């Protein structure tokens, strides 16, 4: 009888002892969710990039930190430094894109900040996409960017897509073409909408010269 009591006590002791920890396999992470572009200009002005161009147009771009947080932060940092003010669109190819963001205007320059690690996503390069230009090295984007005129899906997952034009794509269409253009369009002022910077004064266009009858007359020979 005593043996049975000890046996039962021993069994209860085993049952009451803490069980060893069992490694749990972590559930696989779900697919990454990419936010859609909001075209409402009143929403999240901290992530609306305004470009006032020398052609008199103001272009609004929705920056997407959910897609490319480091590249968006770079654009905002340089913009608030005034880096882009006065910079031209140095490479503008009809049917493809308009590229700017190089203070030297040659396509070879950038900012003094370090290059960025690529943040590629499956977000497609469609009309109005704003993406970062780079050299052959995938992690060489710095300050230069381009705006796509027409869809170019071959750029997907090869260039960091960071936003999209949400107002006045016609102003982008009006950027002068060329590599470089003979009369390049420039960014008069870049700003973040949340900063409420006033639009810069644009130079007035020269009034057309009046044509007189004397101008239309052929020269009279002696």
Protein backbone atom coordinates (compact mmCIF):
# COMPACT_ATOMS: atom_id res chain seq x y z
CA UNK A 1 0.00 0.00 0.00
CA UNK A 2 2.84 2.36 0.92
CA UNK A 3 4.52 1.68 -2.40
CA UNK A 4 1.35 2.69 -4.20
CA UNK A 5 1.21 6.00 -2.27
CA UNK A 6 4.81 6.80 -3.24
CA UNK A 7 4.12 5.85 -6.82
CA UNK A 8 1.08 8.13 -6.99
CA UNK A 9 3.00 10.99 -5.34
CA UNK A 10 5.86 10.59 -7.80
CA UNK A 11 3.45 10.62 -10.71
CA UNK A 12 1.75 13.81 -9.46
CA UNK A 13 5.15 15.41 -9.02
CA UNK A 14 6.00 14.72 -12.64
CA UNK A 15 2.71 16.15 -13.80
CA UNK A 16 3.16 19.31 -11.75
CA UNK A 17 6.74 19.95 -12.90
CA UNK A 18 7.18 22.70 -15.52
CA UNK A 19 7.27 21.38 -19.06
CA UNK A 20 10.30 22.16 -21.20
CA UNK A 21 9.87 25.02 -23.67
CA UNK A 22 8.99 23.85 -27.15
CA UNK A 23 10.21 25.93 -30.06
CA UNK A 24 7.29 27.33 -32.02
CA UNK A 25 7.69 27.82 -35.74
CA UNK A 26 6.90 31.44 -36.62
CA UNK A 27 4.05 31.95 -39.01
CA UNK A 28 5.34 33.13 -42.38
CA UNK A 29 4.97 36.86 -42.97
CA UNK A 30 2.08 37.80 -45.24
CA UNK A 31 2.55 39.59 -48.53
CA UNK A 32 3.68 43.21 -48.26
CA UNK A 33 0.81 45.65 -48.69
CA UNK A 34 1.51 48.70 -50.84
CA UNK A 35 -0.67 51.74 -50.32
CA UNK A 36 -2.54 53.18 -53.28
CA UNK A 37 -1.98 56.73 -54.49
CA UNK A 38 -4.35 59.32 -53.03
CA UNK A 39 -5.10 62.08 -55.55
CA UNK A 40 -6.80 64.35 -53.00
CA UNK A 41 -4.59 67.43 -52.63
CA UNK A 42 -6.01 68.17 -49.16
CA UNK A 43 -4.80 64.85 -47.71
CA UNK A 44 -1.35 64.43 -46.11
CA UNK A 45 0.34 67.60 -47.44
CA UNK A 46 3.58 66.45 -45.78
CA UNK A 47 3.92 63.98 -48.64
CA UNK A 48 2.96 66.22 -51.56
CA UNK A 49 5.93 67.54 -53.54
CA UNK A 50 5.30 70.74 -55.49
CA UNK A 51 7.43 71.70 -58.47
CA UNK A 52 7.03 75.24 -59.82
CA UNK A 53 8.52 75.15 -63.30
CA UNK A 54 9.94 77.86 -65.54
CA UNK A 55 7.19 77.10 -68.08
CA UNK A 56 4.74 78.63 -65.59
CA UNK A 57 3.29 75.29 -64.48
CA UNK A 58 2.94 73.90 -60.96
CA UNK A 59 3.11 70.11 -60.75
CA UNK A 60 2.01 68.20 -57.64
CA UNK A 61 3.50 64.79 -56.86
CA UNK A 62 2.30 62.36 -54.20
CA UNK A 63 5.34 60.95 -52.39
CA UNK A 64 4.83 57.38 -51.15
CA UNK A 65 6.89 56.58 -48.02
CA UNK A 66 5.11 53.21 -47.84
CA UNK A 67 6.83 52.29 -51.12
CA UNK A 68 10.29 53.81 -50.64
CA UNK A 69 10.75 55.49 -47.23
CA UNK A 70 14.43 56.36 -47.58
CA UNK A 71 14.09 57.82 -51.08
CA UNK A 72 11.07 59.87 -50.08
CA UNK A 73 12.96 61.21 -47.08
CA UNK A 74 15.87 62.15 -49.35
CA UNK A 75 13.58 64.11 -51.69
CA UNK A 76 12.03 65.95 -48.75
CA UNK A 77 15.40 66.70 -47.14
CA UNK A 78 16.92 68.11 -50.34
CA UNK A 79 13.77 70.06 -51.12
CA UNK A 80 13.80 71.77 -47.74
CA UNK A 81 17.47 72.63 -48.27
CA UNK A 82 16.55 74.41 -51.52
CA UNK A 83 18.72 71.93 -53.43
CA UNK A 84 16.36 71.59 -56.41
CA UNK A 85 15.65 75.31 -56.88
CA UNK A 86 17.02 76.43 -60.24
CA UNK A 87 17.94 72.91 -61.39
CA UNK A 88 17.09 72.04 -65.00
CA UNK A 89 15.56 68.98 -66.63
CA UNK A 90 18.71 67.94 -68.45
CA UNK A 91 17.47 64.79 -70.22
CA UNK A 92 13.96 64.80 -71.67
CA UNK A 93 13.06 62.09 -74.18
CA UNK A 94 9.78 62.24 -76.09
CA UNK A 95 7.59 59.24 -75.29
CA UNK A 96 9.79 58.23 -72.35
CA UNK A 97 10.58 60.55 -69.45
CA UNK A 98 11.89 63.88 -68.13
CA UNK A 99 14.98 63.63 -65.89
CA UNK A 100 16.26 66.29 -63.50
CA UNK A 101 17.75 66.75 -60.06
CA UNK A 102 21.40 67.26 -61.05
CA UNK A 103 22.74 70.68 -59.97
CA UNK A 104 25.47 70.48 -62.63
CA UNK A 105 22.89 69.99 -65.39
CA UNK A 106 25.03 67.27 -66.96
CA UNK A 107 23.55 64.07 -65.53
CA UNK A 108 26.81 63.37 -63.70
CA UNK A 109 26.16 65.22 -60.46
CA UNK A 110 24.27 64.77 -57.22
CA UNK A 111 24.09 65.96 -53.63
CA UNK A 112 26.72 65.71 -50.90
CA UNK A 113 24.58 63.13 -49.10
CA UNK A 114 25.49 59.43 -49.45
CA UNK A 115 23.94 57.30 -52.16
CA UNK A 116 20.83 55.33 -51.26
CA UNK A 117 20.27 51.60 -51.07
CA UNK A 118 17.69 50.52 -53.66
CA UNK A 119 14.06 50.15 -52.55
CA UNK A 120 12.65 48.29 -55.54
CA UNK A 121 8.97 47.30 -55.55
CA UNK A 122 6.53 45.76 -58.03
CA UNK A 123 4.71 49.11 -58.34
CA UNK A 124 4.53 49.69 -62.12
CA UNK A 125 6.09 52.63 -63.94
CA UNK A 126 3.02 54.18 -65.54
CA UNK A 127 2.29 57.66 -66.88
CA UNK A 128 3.10 60.15 -64.11
CA UNK A 129 5.38 57.83 -62.13
CA UNK A 130 8.22 59.57 -60.31
CA UNK A 131 11.26 57.36 -59.87
CA UNK A 132 14.91 57.78 -58.89
CA UNK A 133 17.64 57.79 -61.51
CA UNK A 134 20.83 55.87 -60.80
CA UNK A 135 24.09 54.68 -62.34
CA UNK A 136 24.82 51.00 -63.10
CA UNK A 137 25.08 50.22 -59.40
CA UNK A 138 21.59 49.50 -58.04
CA UNK A 139 22.48 51.36 -54.83
CA UNK A 140 23.67 54.58 -56.50
CA UNK A 141 20.52 56.77 -56.46
CA UNK A 142 21.22 60.14 -54.86
CA UNK A 143 19.29 63.23 -55.99
CA UNK A 144 18.32 62.72 -59.61
CA UNK A 145 14.77 61.68 -60.48
CA UNK A 146 12.63 61.22 -63.56
CA UNK A 147 8.95 61.53 -64.42
CA UNK A 148 7.52 59.00 -66.89
CA UNK A 149 5.48 60.25 -69.86
CA UNK A 150 4.15 56.82 -70.88
CA UNK A 151 4.18 53.37 -69.20
CA UNK A 152 7.58 51.66 -69.14
CA UNK A 153 7.17 48.35 -67.33
CA UNK A 154 10.75 47.37 -68.17
CA UNK A 155 11.80 49.78 -65.39
CA UNK A 156 9.82 47.91 -62.73
CA UNK A 157 11.97 46.38 -59.94
CA UNK A 158 15.01 48.07 -61.48
CA UNK A 159 14.46 51.68 -60.40
CA UNK A 160 13.00 52.94 -57.13
CA UNK A 161 9.44 54.12 -57.71
CA UNK A 162 8.69 56.73 -55.05
CA UNK A 163 5.55 58.56 -56.13
CA UNK A 164 3.21 59.79 -58.84
CA UNK A 165 1.98 63.05 -60.33
CA UNK A 166 -1.44 63.81 -58.85
CA UNK A 167 -2.05 67.23 -60.39
CA UNK A 168 -1.13 68.87 -63.72
CA UNK A 169 0.55 66.15 -65.73
CA UNK A 170 0.08 68.55 -68.63
CA UNK A 171 2.74 70.71 -66.99
CA UNK A 172 5.15 67.78 -67.19
CA UNK A 173 4.21 67.24 -70.84
CA UNK A 174 5.21 70.87 -71.47
CA UNK A 175 8.84 70.31 -70.33
CA UNK A 176 11.20 71.05 -73.23
CA UNK A 177 12.72 67.99 -74.92
CA UNK A 178 16.38 67.31 -75.58
CA UNK A 179 19.55 65.66 -74.25
CA UNK A 180 20.13 68.35 -73.10
CA UNK A 181 17.36 70.62 -74.36
CA UNK A 182 18.43 73.74 -76.21
CA UNK A 183 16.24 75.77 -73.85
CA UNK A 184 15.84 73.57 -70.78
CA UNK A 185 12.87 73.82 -68.44
CA UNK A 186 14.01 74.38 -64.88
CA UNK A 187 12.57 73.98 -61.42
CA UNK A 188 12.10 77.53 -60.17
CA UNK A 189 11.06 76.25 -56.75
CA UNK A 190 10.53 72.83 -55.19
CA UNK A 191 8.57 72.66 -51.93
CA UNK A 192 6.58 70.38 -49.66
CA UNK A 193 2.90 71.33 -49.55
CA UNK A 194 2.82 71.23 -45.73
CA UNK A 195 5.34 74.10 -45.64
CA UNK A 196 2.90 76.43 -47.45
CA UNK A 197 5.60 78.23 -49.42
CA UNK A 198 4.09 80.85 -51.76
CA UNK A 199 4.45 80.31 -55.48
CA UNK A 200 7.48 82.13 -56.87
CA UNK A 201 7.03 85.10 -59.14
CA UNK A 202 7.48 84.08 -62.75
CA UNK A 203 9.23 86.36 -65.26
CA UNK A 204 6.77 88.01 -67.59
CA UNK A 205 6.89 86.86 -71.18
CA UNK A 206 8.22 89.45 -73.60
CA UNK A 207 5.52 91.22 -75.54
CA UNK A 208 5.58 90.33 -79.24
CA UNK A 209 7.14 92.99 -81.44
CA UNK A 210 4.69 94.95 -83.56
CA UNK A 211 5.06 94.24 -87.26
CA UNK A 212 5.13 97.37 -89.39
CA UNK A 213 4.62 97.84 -93.10
CA UNK A 214 8.29 98.72 -93.45
CA UNK A 215 9.25 95.28 -92.12
CA UNK A 216 7.14 93.64 -94.79
CA UNK A 217 8.54 95.73 -97.64
CA UNK A 218 11.37 94.33 -99.71
CA UNK A 219 14.58 96.35 -99.66
CA UNK A 220 14.81 98.87 -102.51
CA UNK A 221 17.95 98.49 -104.54
CA UNK A 222 19.91 101.48 -105.89
